[in-house]
């Protein structure tokens, strides 16, 4: 039972290694969003629109990664859902700019919860040595951040831009690190090990050759 599971994870890692650039770009976008959030001139309203642009771009790269994974039939569904959620959230904010700030905060919080959960679930299809815990870190950070945003309007407080920036930096660093870990793995290293003939058999064949 363990051997097929390990082989499946190895193949999944091989597919993800080919898409390291998508994780790296998504990480860079999130880091840029985080840096923007901590600027003193940024207001909460303007930050929401910056998030909308980030969410659409992030969703596009997630969908591109899912499309490539679908060709190999390897765990593409969660990434496709994550990408679709990001694009829909960003598009909704752009299409309805006059909506109340509280509603926008709740929408971003819901997006963070959904994308974080999907990322957390998807992490366990990846081997530990291929950066599973970085994907877990990103998923947990996103769920914690989403929970803070969803709860904040009901307790009479808004999450400050500094906290949003801190989340974005943690999330971005996790994805960027994962991308470079995957980049360092080649398809040869990720392929499941083949069964080799026993050492005794090889010794006998070499003895006969002599």
N, C-alpha and C. Protein backbone atom coordinates (compact mmCIF):
# COMPACT_ATOMS: atom_id res chain seq x y z
N UNK A 1 0.83 -1.21 0.00
CA UNK A 1 0.00 0.00 0.00
C UNK A 1 0.86 1.25 0.00
N UNK A 2 1.96 1.21 0.77
CA UNK A 2 2.81 2.40 0.88
C UNK A 2 3.52 2.70 -0.42
N UNK A 3 3.91 1.63 -1.16
CA UNK A 3 4.66 1.83 -2.40
C UNK A 3 3.86 2.59 -3.44
N UNK A 4 2.59 2.23 -3.71
CA UNK A 4 1.81 3.01 -4.68
C UNK A 4 1.62 4.46 -4.26
N UNK A 5 1.44 4.70 -2.95
CA UNK A 5 1.27 6.07 -2.47
C UNK A 5 2.53 6.88 -2.71
N UNK A 6 3.70 6.30 -2.39
CA UNK A 6 4.96 6.99 -2.61
C UNK A 6 5.19 7.25 -4.09
N UNK A 7 4.84 6.26 -4.93
CA UNK A 7 5.00 6.45 -6.38
C UNK A 7 4.11 7.57 -6.88
N UNK A 8 2.88 7.64 -6.36
CA UNK A 8 1.95 8.70 -6.76
C UNK A 8 2.48 10.07 -6.36
N UNK A 9 3.03 10.16 -5.14
CA UNK A 9 3.58 11.44 -4.69
C UNK A 9 4.80 11.83 -5.51
N UNK A 10 5.58 10.83 -5.92
CA UNK A 10 6.75 11.13 -6.74
C UNK A 10 6.33 11.69 -8.09
N UNK A 11 5.29 11.09 -8.68
CA UNK A 11 4.80 11.58 -9.96
C UNK A 11 4.19 12.97 -9.82
N UNK A 12 3.47 13.20 -8.72
CA UNK A 12 2.91 14.52 -8.47
C UNK A 12 4.02 15.54 -8.33
N UNK A 13 5.08 15.18 -7.62
CA UNK A 13 6.21 16.09 -7.47
C UNK A 13 6.87 16.39 -8.80
N UNK A 14 6.94 15.38 -9.68
CA UNK A 14 7.54 15.59 -11.00
C UNK A 14 6.74 16.59 -11.80
N UNK A 15 5.40 16.50 -11.70
CA UNK A 15 4.55 17.45 -12.41
C UNK A 15 4.72 18.85 -11.83
N UNK A 16 4.72 18.96 -10.51
CA UNK A 16 4.86 20.27 -9.86
C UNK A 16 6.21 20.90 -10.14
N UNK A 17 7.24 20.07 -10.26
CA UNK A 17 8.57 20.60 -10.53
C UNK A 17 8.62 21.33 -11.86
N UNK A 18 7.81 20.90 -12.81
CA UNK A 18 7.75 21.57 -14.10
C UNK A 18 7.01 22.90 -14.00
N UNK A 19 6.28 23.10 -12.91
CA UNK A 19 5.51 24.33 -12.74
C UNK A 19 6.07 25.20 -11.61
N UNK A 20 7.34 25.04 -11.32
CA UNK A 20 7.94 25.81 -10.22
C UNK A 20 7.80 27.30 -10.46
N UNK A 21 7.84 27.70 -11.72
CA UNK A 21 7.77 29.12 -12.06
C UNK A 21 6.44 29.73 -11.63
N UNK A 22 5.34 28.94 -11.70
CA UNK A 22 4.03 29.45 -11.32
C UNK A 22 3.99 29.75 -9.82
N UNK A 23 4.55 28.85 -9.00
CA UNK A 23 4.61 29.09 -7.55
C UNK A 23 5.50 30.29 -7.24
N UNK A 24 6.64 30.40 -7.96
CA UNK A 24 7.57 31.49 -7.71
C UNK A 24 6.94 32.84 -8.06
N UNK A 25 6.26 32.91 -9.21
CA UNK A 25 5.63 34.17 -9.61
C UNK A 25 4.50 34.54 -8.66
N UNK A 26 3.70 33.55 -8.25
CA UNK A 26 2.64 33.84 -7.29
C UNK A 26 3.22 34.34 -5.97
N UNK A 27 4.34 33.76 -5.55
CA UNK A 27 4.99 34.23 -4.34
C UNK A 27 5.49 35.66 -4.46
N UNK A 28 6.09 35.99 -5.61
CA UNK A 28 6.58 37.36 -5.83
C UNK A 28 5.43 38.36 -5.85
N UNK A 29 4.32 37.99 -6.50
CA UNK A 29 3.16 38.88 -6.53
C UNK A 29 2.63 39.15 -5.12
N UNK A 30 2.59 38.09 -4.31
CA UNK A 30 2.09 38.25 -2.94
C UNK A 30 3.03 39.10 -2.10
N UNK A 31 4.34 38.93 -2.30
CA UNK A 31 5.31 39.75 -1.57
C UNK A 31 5.16 41.22 -1.96
N UNK A 32 4.97 41.50 -3.25
CA UNK A 32 4.76 42.88 -3.69
C UNK A 32 3.49 43.46 -3.07
N UNK A 33 2.44 42.64 -3.00
CA UNK A 33 1.21 43.08 -2.36
C UNK A 33 1.45 43.39 -0.88
N UNK A 34 2.23 42.53 -0.21
CA UNK A 34 2.54 42.75 1.19
C UNK A 34 3.34 44.02 1.42
N UNK A 35 4.31 44.28 0.56
CA UNK A 35 5.10 45.51 0.68
C UNK A 35 4.22 46.74 0.48
N UNK A 36 3.30 46.66 -0.49
CA UNK A 36 2.37 47.77 -0.73
C UNK A 36 1.49 48.01 0.49
N UNK A 37 1.08 46.93 1.15
CA UNK A 37 0.16 47.06 2.29
C UNK A 37 0.78 47.80 3.46
N UNK A 38 2.09 47.70 3.64
CA UNK A 38 2.72 48.32 4.81
C UNK A 38 3.16 49.75 4.53
N UNK A 39 2.96 50.25 3.31
CA UNK A 39 3.31 51.64 3.02
C UNK A 39 2.39 52.57 3.81
N UNK A 40 2.93 53.64 4.39
CA UNK A 40 2.10 54.51 5.25
C UNK A 40 1.02 55.27 4.49
N UNK A 41 1.16 55.45 3.18
CA UNK A 41 0.18 56.24 2.42
C UNK A 41 -1.00 55.41 1.95
N UNK A 42 -0.97 54.11 2.18
CA UNK A 42 -2.02 53.23 1.69
C UNK A 42 -3.21 53.22 2.65
N UNK A 43 -4.43 53.44 2.11
CA UNK A 43 -5.64 53.34 2.91
C UNK A 43 -6.26 51.95 2.72
N UNK A 44 -7.20 51.64 3.58
CA UNK A 44 -7.84 50.32 3.49
C UNK A 44 -8.61 50.18 2.19
N UNK A 45 -9.26 51.25 1.74
CA UNK A 45 -10.03 51.19 0.50
C UNK A 45 -9.12 50.95 -0.70
N UNK A 46 -8.02 51.69 -0.77
CA UNK A 46 -7.10 51.51 -1.90
C UNK A 46 -6.44 50.13 -1.85
N UNK A 47 -6.20 49.63 -0.64
CA UNK A 47 -5.58 48.31 -0.50
C UNK A 47 -6.51 47.22 -1.03
N UNK A 48 -7.80 47.41 -0.88
CA UNK A 48 -8.76 46.44 -1.41
C UNK A 48 -8.64 46.33 -2.92
N UNK A 49 -8.46 47.45 -3.60
CA UNK A 49 -8.33 47.42 -5.06
C UNK A 49 -6.99 46.84 -5.49
N UNK A 50 -5.96 47.10 -4.71
CA UNK A 50 -4.68 46.45 -4.99
C UNK A 50 -4.82 44.94 -4.84
N UNK A 51 -5.56 44.52 -3.82
CA UNK A 51 -5.80 43.10 -3.64
C UNK A 51 -6.56 42.52 -4.83
N UNK A 52 -7.52 43.25 -5.37
CA UNK A 52 -8.30 42.75 -6.51
C UNK A 52 -7.37 42.44 -7.69
N UNK A 53 -6.42 43.35 -7.97
CA UNK A 53 -5.48 43.11 -9.06
C UNK A 53 -4.61 41.90 -8.76
N UNK A 54 -4.12 41.81 -7.51
CA UNK A 54 -3.30 40.66 -7.12
C UNK A 54 -4.08 39.36 -7.24
N UNK A 55 -5.33 39.38 -6.78
CA UNK A 55 -6.14 38.16 -6.76
C UNK A 55 -6.37 37.62 -8.17
N UNK A 56 -6.65 38.52 -9.12
CA UNK A 56 -6.87 38.08 -10.50
C UNK A 56 -5.59 37.49 -11.08
N UNK A 57 -4.45 38.18 -10.90
CA UNK A 57 -3.19 37.67 -11.42
C UNK A 57 -2.82 36.33 -10.78
N UNK A 58 -2.98 36.24 -9.47
CA UNK A 58 -2.69 35.00 -8.77
C UNK A 58 -3.58 33.87 -9.27
N UNK A 59 -4.85 34.18 -9.50
CA UNK A 59 -5.77 33.16 -10.00
C UNK A 59 -5.41 32.70 -11.40
N UNK A 60 -4.94 33.62 -12.24
CA UNK A 60 -4.54 33.26 -13.60
C UNK A 60 -3.37 32.28 -13.58
N UNK A 61 -2.36 32.56 -12.74
CA UNK A 61 -1.21 31.67 -12.67
C UNK A 61 -1.59 30.33 -12.03
N UNK A 62 -2.50 30.34 -11.07
CA UNK A 62 -2.97 29.08 -10.48
C UNK A 62 -3.71 28.25 -11.52
N UNK A 63 -4.52 28.89 -12.35
CA UNK A 63 -5.23 28.17 -13.40
C UNK A 63 -4.27 27.63 -14.45
N UNK A 64 -3.23 28.41 -14.77
CA UNK A 64 -2.22 27.93 -15.73
C UNK A 64 -1.52 26.69 -15.20
N UNK A 65 -1.19 26.71 -13.89
CA UNK A 65 -0.55 25.55 -13.27
C UNK A 65 -1.50 24.35 -13.28
N UNK A 66 -2.77 24.58 -12.99
CA UNK A 66 -3.75 23.50 -12.98
C UNK A 66 -3.93 22.92 -14.38
N UNK A 67 -3.89 23.77 -15.41
CA UNK A 67 -4.05 23.31 -16.78
C UNK A 67 -2.92 22.37 -17.18
N UNK A 68 -1.69 22.72 -16.79
CA UNK A 68 -0.55 21.86 -17.11
C UNK A 68 -0.64 20.54 -16.34
N UNK A 69 -1.09 20.61 -15.07
CA UNK A 69 -1.21 19.39 -14.28
C UNK A 69 -2.31 18.48 -14.83
N UNK A 70 -3.37 19.09 -15.39
CA UNK A 70 -4.49 18.29 -15.92
C UNK A 70 -4.04 17.41 -17.08
N UNK A 71 -3.04 17.86 -17.82
CA UNK A 71 -2.56 17.06 -18.94
C UNK A 71 -1.94 15.74 -18.46
N UNK A 72 -1.42 15.77 -17.23
CA UNK A 72 -0.85 14.55 -16.66
C UNK A 72 -1.82 13.87 -15.70
N UNK A 73 -3.02 14.45 -15.56
CA UNK A 73 -4.06 13.88 -14.68
C UNK A 73 -3.53 13.75 -13.24
N UNK A 74 -2.87 14.81 -12.76
CA UNK A 74 -2.27 14.74 -11.44
C UNK A 74 -2.71 15.93 -10.57
N UNK A 75 -3.71 15.73 -9.70
CA UNK A 75 -4.09 16.68 -8.66
C UNK A 75 -4.22 18.11 -9.19
N UNK A 76 -5.00 18.27 -10.25
CA UNK A 76 -5.19 19.60 -10.81
C UNK A 76 -6.46 20.27 -10.28
N UNK A 77 -7.39 19.50 -9.71
CA UNK A 77 -8.69 20.04 -9.34
C UNK A 77 -8.60 21.13 -8.28
N UNK A 78 -7.81 20.89 -7.22
CA UNK A 78 -7.72 21.86 -6.13
C UNK A 78 -7.11 23.16 -6.61
N UNK A 79 -6.08 23.07 -7.46
CA UNK A 79 -5.46 24.29 -7.98
C UNK A 79 -6.41 25.05 -8.89
N UNK A 80 -7.22 24.32 -9.66
CA UNK A 80 -8.20 24.98 -10.52
C UNK A 80 -9.24 25.72 -9.68
N UNK A 81 -9.71 25.09 -8.61
CA UNK A 81 -10.67 25.75 -7.72
C UNK A 81 -10.07 26.98 -7.06
N UNK A 82 -8.81 26.85 -6.62
CA UNK A 82 -8.13 27.99 -6.00
C UNK A 82 -8.00 29.15 -6.98
N UNK A 83 -7.61 28.83 -8.23
CA UNK A 83 -7.47 29.88 -9.24
C UNK A 83 -8.80 30.53 -9.57
N UNK A 84 -9.85 29.72 -9.70
CA UNK A 84 -11.18 30.26 -10.01
C UNK A 84 -11.68 31.17 -8.88
N UNK A 85 -11.42 30.78 -7.64
CA UNK A 85 -11.85 31.60 -6.50
C UNK A 85 -11.15 32.96 -6.52
N UNK A 86 -9.85 32.97 -6.84
CA UNK A 86 -9.12 34.23 -6.90
C UNK A 86 -9.62 35.14 -8.00
N UNK A 87 -9.84 34.58 -9.18
CA UNK A 87 -10.31 35.39 -10.31
C UNK A 87 -11.70 35.95 -10.03
N UNK A 88 -12.59 35.12 -9.48
CA UNK A 88 -13.95 35.58 -9.19
C UNK A 88 -13.96 36.68 -8.13
N UNK A 89 -13.13 36.50 -7.09
CA UNK A 89 -13.07 37.52 -6.02
C UNK A 89 -12.57 38.85 -6.58
N UNK A 90 -11.48 38.82 -7.34
CA UNK A 90 -10.95 40.05 -7.91
C UNK A 90 -11.90 40.70 -8.89
N UNK A 91 -12.55 39.88 -9.73
CA UNK A 91 -13.50 40.41 -10.71
C UNK A 91 -14.70 41.05 -10.02
N UNK A 92 -15.18 40.45 -8.94
CA UNK A 92 -16.33 40.99 -8.21
C UNK A 92 -16.01 42.37 -7.65
N UNK A 93 -14.81 42.52 -7.09
CA UNK A 93 -14.42 43.82 -6.52
C UNK A 93 -14.33 44.88 -7.62
N UNK A 94 -13.78 44.49 -8.78
CA UNK A 94 -13.64 45.45 -9.89
C UNK A 94 -15.00 45.83 -10.49
N UNK A 95 -15.94 44.87 -10.53
CA UNK A 95 -17.24 45.13 -11.14
C UNK A 95 -18.17 45.91 -10.23
N UNK A 96 -17.96 45.81 -8.92
CA UNK A 96 -18.82 46.51 -7.96
C UNK A 96 -17.96 47.37 -7.02
N UNK A 97 -17.36 48.42 -7.57
CA UNK A 97 -16.45 49.25 -6.74
C UNK A 97 -17.16 50.04 -5.65
N UNK A 98 -18.47 50.24 -5.80
CA UNK A 98 -19.18 51.04 -4.81
C UNK A 98 -19.68 50.25 -3.62
N UNK A 99 -19.40 48.98 -3.57
CA UNK A 99 -19.88 48.14 -2.48
C UNK A 99 -19.25 48.56 -1.16
N UNK A 100 -19.93 48.35 -0.06
CA UNK A 100 -19.44 48.76 1.25
C UNK A 100 -18.11 48.09 1.57
N UNK A 101 -17.27 48.82 2.28
CA UNK A 101 -15.95 48.29 2.64
C UNK A 101 -16.06 47.02 3.47
N UNK A 102 -17.07 46.96 4.35
CA UNK A 102 -17.24 45.76 5.17
C UNK A 102 -17.51 44.53 4.30
N UNK A 103 -18.33 44.70 3.27
CA UNK A 103 -18.62 43.58 2.38
C UNK A 103 -17.37 43.14 1.63
N UNK A 104 -16.54 44.10 1.24
CA UNK A 104 -15.30 43.77 0.55
C UNK A 104 -14.35 42.99 1.46
N UNK A 105 -14.28 43.42 2.72
CA UNK A 105 -13.42 42.73 3.68
C UNK A 105 -13.90 41.30 3.89
N UNK A 106 -15.21 41.11 3.98
CA UNK A 106 -15.77 39.77 4.14
C UNK A 106 -15.47 38.91 2.91
N UNK A 107 -15.55 39.51 1.73
CA UNK A 107 -15.26 38.77 0.50
C UNK A 107 -13.80 38.31 0.47
N UNK A 108 -12.89 39.21 0.83
CA UNK A 108 -11.47 38.85 0.86
C UNK A 108 -11.22 37.77 1.90
N UNK A 109 -11.88 37.88 3.05
CA UNK A 109 -11.74 36.87 4.09
C UNK A 109 -12.21 35.50 3.62
N UNK A 110 -13.35 35.48 2.92
CA UNK A 110 -13.86 34.20 2.39
C UNK A 110 -12.89 33.62 1.37
N UNK A 111 -12.33 34.47 0.51
CA UNK A 111 -11.34 34.00 -0.48
C UNK A 111 -10.13 33.39 0.23
N UNK A 112 -9.64 34.07 1.26
CA UNK A 112 -8.46 33.58 1.98
C UNK A 112 -8.74 32.24 2.65
N UNK A 113 -9.92 32.08 3.23
CA UNK A 113 -10.28 30.81 3.86
C UNK A 113 -10.34 29.68 2.84
N UNK A 114 -11.00 29.93 1.72
CA UNK A 114 -11.16 28.88 0.70
C UNK A 114 -9.81 28.51 0.09
N UNK A 115 -9.05 29.52 -0.34
CA UNK A 115 -7.76 29.24 -0.98
C UNK A 115 -6.79 28.59 0.01
N UNK A 116 -6.82 29.02 1.28
CA UNK A 116 -5.94 28.43 2.28
C UNK A 116 -6.28 26.98 2.54
N UNK A 117 -7.57 26.67 2.62
CA UNK A 117 -7.98 25.28 2.84
C UNK A 117 -7.58 24.40 1.66
N UNK A 118 -7.79 24.89 0.44
CA UNK A 118 -7.44 24.10 -0.74
C UNK A 118 -5.93 23.88 -0.82
N UNK A 119 -5.16 24.91 -0.46
CA UNK A 119 -3.71 24.77 -0.46
C UNK A 119 -3.26 23.77 0.60
N UNK A 120 -3.88 23.85 1.78
CA UNK A 120 -3.54 22.92 2.87
C UNK A 120 -3.84 21.48 2.47
N UNK A 121 -5.01 21.26 1.85
CA UNK A 121 -5.36 19.91 1.38
C UNK A 121 -4.38 19.42 0.32
N UNK A 122 -4.05 20.30 -0.60
CA UNK A 122 -3.17 19.91 -1.69
C UNK A 122 -1.76 19.61 -1.25
N UNK A 123 -1.34 20.16 -0.09
CA UNK A 123 0.02 19.96 0.38
C UNK A 123 0.32 18.49 0.65
N UNK A 124 -0.68 17.71 1.03
CA UNK A 124 -0.43 16.32 1.41
C UNK A 124 -0.33 15.38 0.22
N UNK A 125 -0.48 15.94 -0.98
CA UNK A 125 -0.19 15.16 -2.19
C UNK A 125 1.27 15.31 -2.59
N UNK A 126 2.02 16.09 -1.80
CA UNK A 126 3.42 16.38 -2.11
C UNK A 126 4.31 15.74 -1.06
N UNK A 127 5.47 15.21 -1.50
CA UNK A 127 6.40 14.60 -0.55
C UNK A 127 7.01 15.66 0.36
N UNK A 128 7.42 15.24 1.54
CA UNK A 128 7.98 16.16 2.53
C UNK A 128 9.23 16.85 1.99
N UNK A 129 10.10 16.10 1.31
CA UNK A 129 11.35 16.67 0.83
C UNK A 129 11.16 17.59 -0.37
N UNK A 130 9.94 17.69 -0.87
CA UNK A 130 9.66 18.59 -2.00
C UNK A 130 8.97 19.87 -1.56
N UNK A 131 8.99 20.14 -0.26
CA UNK A 131 8.45 21.41 0.23
C UNK A 131 7.03 21.35 0.73
N UNK A 132 6.58 20.16 1.18
CA UNK A 132 5.20 20.05 1.65
C UNK A 132 4.90 21.06 2.76
N UNK A 133 5.82 21.22 3.71
CA UNK A 133 5.53 22.07 4.86
C UNK A 133 5.48 23.55 4.50
N UNK A 134 6.14 23.95 3.42
CA UNK A 134 6.00 25.34 2.96
C UNK A 134 4.60 25.58 2.43
N UNK A 135 4.04 24.57 1.74
CA UNK A 135 2.67 24.69 1.26
C UNK A 135 1.68 24.66 2.43
N UNK A 136 1.97 23.85 3.44
CA UNK A 136 1.14 23.84 4.65
C UNK A 136 1.19 25.19 5.34
N UNK A 137 2.39 25.78 5.45
CA UNK A 137 2.53 27.10 6.08
C UNK A 137 1.70 28.14 5.35
N UNK A 138 1.78 28.14 4.01
CA UNK A 138 0.98 29.09 3.25
C UNK A 138 -0.51 28.89 3.46
N UNK A 139 -0.95 27.64 3.48
CA UNK A 139 -2.36 27.36 3.68
C UNK A 139 -2.86 27.78 5.06
N UNK A 140 -2.08 27.47 6.09
CA UNK A 140 -2.47 27.84 7.46
C UNK A 140 -2.49 29.36 7.62
N UNK A 141 -1.47 30.05 7.09
CA UNK A 141 -1.43 31.51 7.17
C UNK A 141 -2.64 32.13 6.49
N UNK A 142 -3.02 31.57 5.34
CA UNK A 142 -4.18 32.10 4.62
C UNK A 142 -5.47 31.87 5.40
N UNK A 143 -5.62 30.69 6.01
CA UNK A 143 -6.84 30.42 6.78
C UNK A 143 -6.93 31.30 8.02
N UNK A 144 -5.81 31.52 8.71
CA UNK A 144 -5.80 32.39 9.89
C UNK A 144 -6.16 33.81 9.50
N UNK A 145 -5.55 34.29 8.42
CA UNK A 145 -5.84 35.64 7.93
C UNK A 145 -7.31 35.77 7.52
N UNK A 146 -7.82 34.78 6.80
CA UNK A 146 -9.22 34.82 6.38
C UNK A 146 -10.16 34.83 7.57
N UNK A 147 -9.85 34.03 8.59
CA UNK A 147 -10.67 34.04 9.79
C UNK A 147 -10.68 35.38 10.49
N UNK A 148 -9.52 36.04 10.54
CA UNK A 148 -9.44 37.37 11.15
C UNK A 148 -10.32 38.37 10.39
N UNK A 149 -10.28 38.31 9.06
CA UNK A 149 -11.07 39.25 8.26
C UNK A 149 -12.56 39.00 8.41
N UNK A 150 -12.96 37.73 8.43
CA UNK A 150 -14.39 37.41 8.53
C UNK A 150 -14.95 37.82 9.89
N UNK A 151 -14.16 37.65 10.94
CA UNK A 151 -14.64 37.95 12.29
C UNK A 151 -14.59 39.45 12.59
N UNK A 152 -13.62 40.15 12.01
CA UNK A 152 -13.36 41.55 12.40
C UNK A 152 -14.57 42.47 12.31
N UNK A 153 -15.41 42.44 11.26
CA UNK A 153 -16.55 43.37 11.23
C UNK A 153 -17.56 43.12 12.34
N UNK A 154 -17.64 41.89 12.82
CA UNK A 154 -18.64 41.55 13.84
C UNK A 154 -18.18 41.91 15.25
N UNK A 155 -16.90 42.19 15.40
CA UNK A 155 -16.39 42.60 16.72
C UNK A 155 -16.05 44.09 16.73
N UNK A 156 -16.46 44.79 15.67
CA UNK A 156 -16.28 46.24 15.62
C UNK A 156 -14.87 46.69 15.35
N UNK A 157 -14.09 45.89 14.66
CA UNK A 157 -12.71 46.27 14.38
C UNK A 157 -12.36 45.86 12.96
N UNK A 158 -11.44 46.62 12.36
CA UNK A 158 -10.93 46.27 11.05
C UNK A 158 -9.48 45.84 11.17
N UNK A 159 -9.12 44.84 10.41
CA UNK A 159 -7.73 44.38 10.43
C UNK A 159 -6.86 45.47 9.81
N UNK A 160 -5.83 45.94 10.51
CA UNK A 160 -4.99 47.02 9.98
C UNK A 160 -4.18 46.57 8.78
N UNK A 161 -3.84 47.50 7.89
CA UNK A 161 -3.03 47.14 6.71
C UNK A 161 -1.72 46.46 7.07
N UNK A 162 -1.15 46.80 8.24
CA UNK A 162 0.11 46.19 8.64
C UNK A 162 -0.05 44.68 8.83
N UNK A 163 -1.18 44.26 9.41
CA UNK A 163 -1.44 42.83 9.59
C UNK A 163 -1.65 42.15 8.25
N UNK A 164 -2.32 42.84 7.33
CA UNK A 164 -2.53 42.28 5.99
C UNK A 164 -1.19 42.12 5.29
N UNK A 165 -0.33 43.13 5.43
CA UNK A 165 1.00 43.04 4.83
C UNK A 165 1.82 41.90 5.40
N UNK A 166 1.73 41.70 6.72
CA UNK A 166 2.48 40.60 7.35
C UNK A 166 2.01 39.26 6.82
N UNK A 167 0.69 39.08 6.69
CA UNK A 167 0.17 37.83 6.11
C UNK A 167 0.68 37.63 4.70
N UNK A 168 0.59 38.68 3.89
CA UNK A 168 0.99 38.57 2.48
C UNK A 168 2.47 38.21 2.35
N UNK A 169 3.30 38.77 3.21
CA UNK A 169 4.73 38.47 3.16
C UNK A 169 4.99 37.01 3.53
N UNK A 170 4.33 36.52 4.59
CA UNK A 170 4.51 35.11 4.99
C UNK A 170 4.03 34.18 3.88
N UNK A 171 2.86 34.47 3.33
CA UNK A 171 2.29 33.66 2.27
C UNK A 171 3.18 33.68 1.03
N UNK A 172 3.66 34.87 0.68
CA UNK A 172 4.50 35.00 -0.50
C UNK A 172 5.84 34.30 -0.36
N UNK A 173 6.46 34.44 0.81
CA UNK A 173 7.75 33.77 1.05
C UNK A 173 7.58 32.25 0.98
N UNK A 174 6.46 31.74 1.53
CA UNK A 174 6.21 30.29 1.49
C UNK A 174 6.10 29.79 0.05
N UNK A 175 5.36 30.51 -0.79
CA UNK A 175 5.21 30.08 -2.18
C UNK A 175 6.51 30.23 -2.96
N UNK A 176 7.22 31.33 -2.72
CA UNK A 176 8.48 31.55 -3.43
C UNK A 176 9.50 30.48 -3.06
N UNK A 177 9.59 30.15 -1.78
CA UNK A 177 10.51 29.11 -1.34
C UNK A 177 10.14 27.77 -1.93
N UNK A 178 8.85 27.46 -1.94
CA UNK A 178 8.39 26.21 -2.54
C UNK A 178 8.77 26.15 -4.02
N UNK A 179 8.61 27.26 -4.72
CA UNK A 179 8.96 27.29 -6.13
C UNK A 179 10.41 26.97 -6.38
N UNK A 180 11.30 27.51 -5.56
CA UNK A 180 12.73 27.26 -5.77
C UNK A 180 13.14 25.87 -5.29
N UNK A 181 12.43 25.32 -4.31
CA UNK A 181 12.68 23.93 -3.92
C UNK A 181 12.32 23.00 -5.07
N UNK A 182 11.18 23.25 -5.69
CA UNK A 182 10.76 22.42 -6.83
C UNK A 182 11.70 22.61 -8.02
N UNK A 183 12.20 23.81 -8.19
CA UNK A 183 13.10 24.07 -9.30
C UNK A 183 14.38 23.24 -9.17
N UNK A 184 14.79 22.98 -7.92
CA UNK A 184 16.01 22.23 -7.69
C UNK A 184 15.86 20.73 -7.89
N UNK A 185 14.63 20.29 -8.15
CA UNK A 185 14.39 18.86 -8.36
C UNK A 185 14.18 18.60 -9.84
N UNK A 186 14.88 17.67 -10.40
CA UNK A 186 14.69 17.32 -11.81
C UNK A 186 13.74 16.16 -11.93
N UNK A 187 13.24 15.94 -13.12
CA UNK A 187 12.31 14.83 -13.34
C UNK A 187 12.97 13.49 -13.06
N UNK A 188 14.27 13.39 -13.30
CA UNK A 188 14.97 12.12 -13.03
C UNK A 188 14.99 11.80 -11.56
N UNK A 189 15.19 12.84 -10.73
CA UNK A 189 15.23 12.61 -9.29
C UNK A 189 13.87 12.29 -8.72
N UNK A 190 12.82 12.80 -9.39
CA UNK A 190 11.47 12.63 -8.86
C UNK A 190 10.80 11.36 -9.34
N UNK A 191 11.34 10.72 -10.35
CA UNK A 191 10.72 9.51 -10.88
C UNK A 191 10.75 8.41 -9.84
N UNK A 192 9.69 7.58 -9.75
CA UNK A 192 9.67 6.50 -8.77
C UNK A 192 10.78 5.51 -9.05
N UNK A 193 11.42 5.00 -8.01
CA UNK A 193 12.53 4.08 -8.21
C UNK A 193 12.09 2.80 -8.90
N UNK A 194 12.91 2.32 -9.82
CA UNK A 194 12.62 1.08 -10.51
C UNK A 194 13.18 -0.10 -9.72
N UNK A 195 12.51 -1.23 -9.90
CA UNK A 195 13.00 -2.44 -9.24
C UNK A 195 14.27 -2.91 -9.92
N UNK A 196 15.32 -3.09 -9.14
CA UNK A 196 16.59 -3.54 -9.68
C UNK A 196 16.79 -5.01 -9.34
N UNK A 197 17.49 -5.76 -10.19
CA UNK A 197 17.75 -7.17 -9.87
C UNK A 197 18.61 -7.28 -8.63
N UNK A 198 18.47 -8.33 -7.87
CA UNK A 198 19.24 -8.47 -6.64
C UNK A 198 20.73 -8.53 -6.93
N UNK A 199 21.50 -8.18 -5.93
CA UNK A 199 22.95 -8.11 -6.08
C UNK A 199 23.53 -9.47 -6.45
N UNK A 200 22.92 -10.56 -5.92
CA UNK A 200 23.43 -11.90 -6.21
C UNK A 200 23.31 -12.20 -7.69
N UNK A 201 22.15 -11.82 -8.27
CA UNK A 201 21.93 -12.06 -9.68
C UNK A 201 22.94 -11.32 -10.53
N UNK A 202 23.25 -10.07 -10.14
CA UNK A 202 24.22 -9.31 -10.91
C UNK A 202 25.60 -9.92 -10.80
N UNK A 203 25.92 -10.46 -9.61
CA UNK A 203 27.24 -11.08 -9.42
C UNK A 203 27.38 -12.32 -10.29
N UNK A 204 26.28 -13.12 -10.35
CA UNK A 204 26.34 -14.32 -11.16
C UNK A 204 26.52 -14.00 -12.63
N UNK A 205 25.78 -12.97 -13.11
CA UNK A 205 25.91 -12.63 -14.52
C UNK A 205 27.30 -12.14 -14.85
N UNK A 206 27.87 -11.34 -13.93
CA UNK A 206 29.22 -10.84 -14.18
C UNK A 206 30.22 -11.98 -14.17
N UNK A 207 29.95 -13.04 -13.31
CA UNK A 207 30.87 -14.18 -13.25
C UNK A 207 30.79 -14.99 -14.53
N UNK A 208 29.57 -15.15 -15.09
CA UNK A 208 29.45 -15.88 -16.33
C UNK A 208 30.14 -15.16 -17.49
N UNK A 209 30.05 -13.82 -17.48
CA UNK A 209 30.68 -13.07 -18.54
C UNK A 209 32.16 -13.29 -18.56
N UNK A 210 32.73 -13.46 -17.38
CA UNK A 210 34.16 -13.74 -17.32
C UNK A 210 34.49 -15.13 -17.85
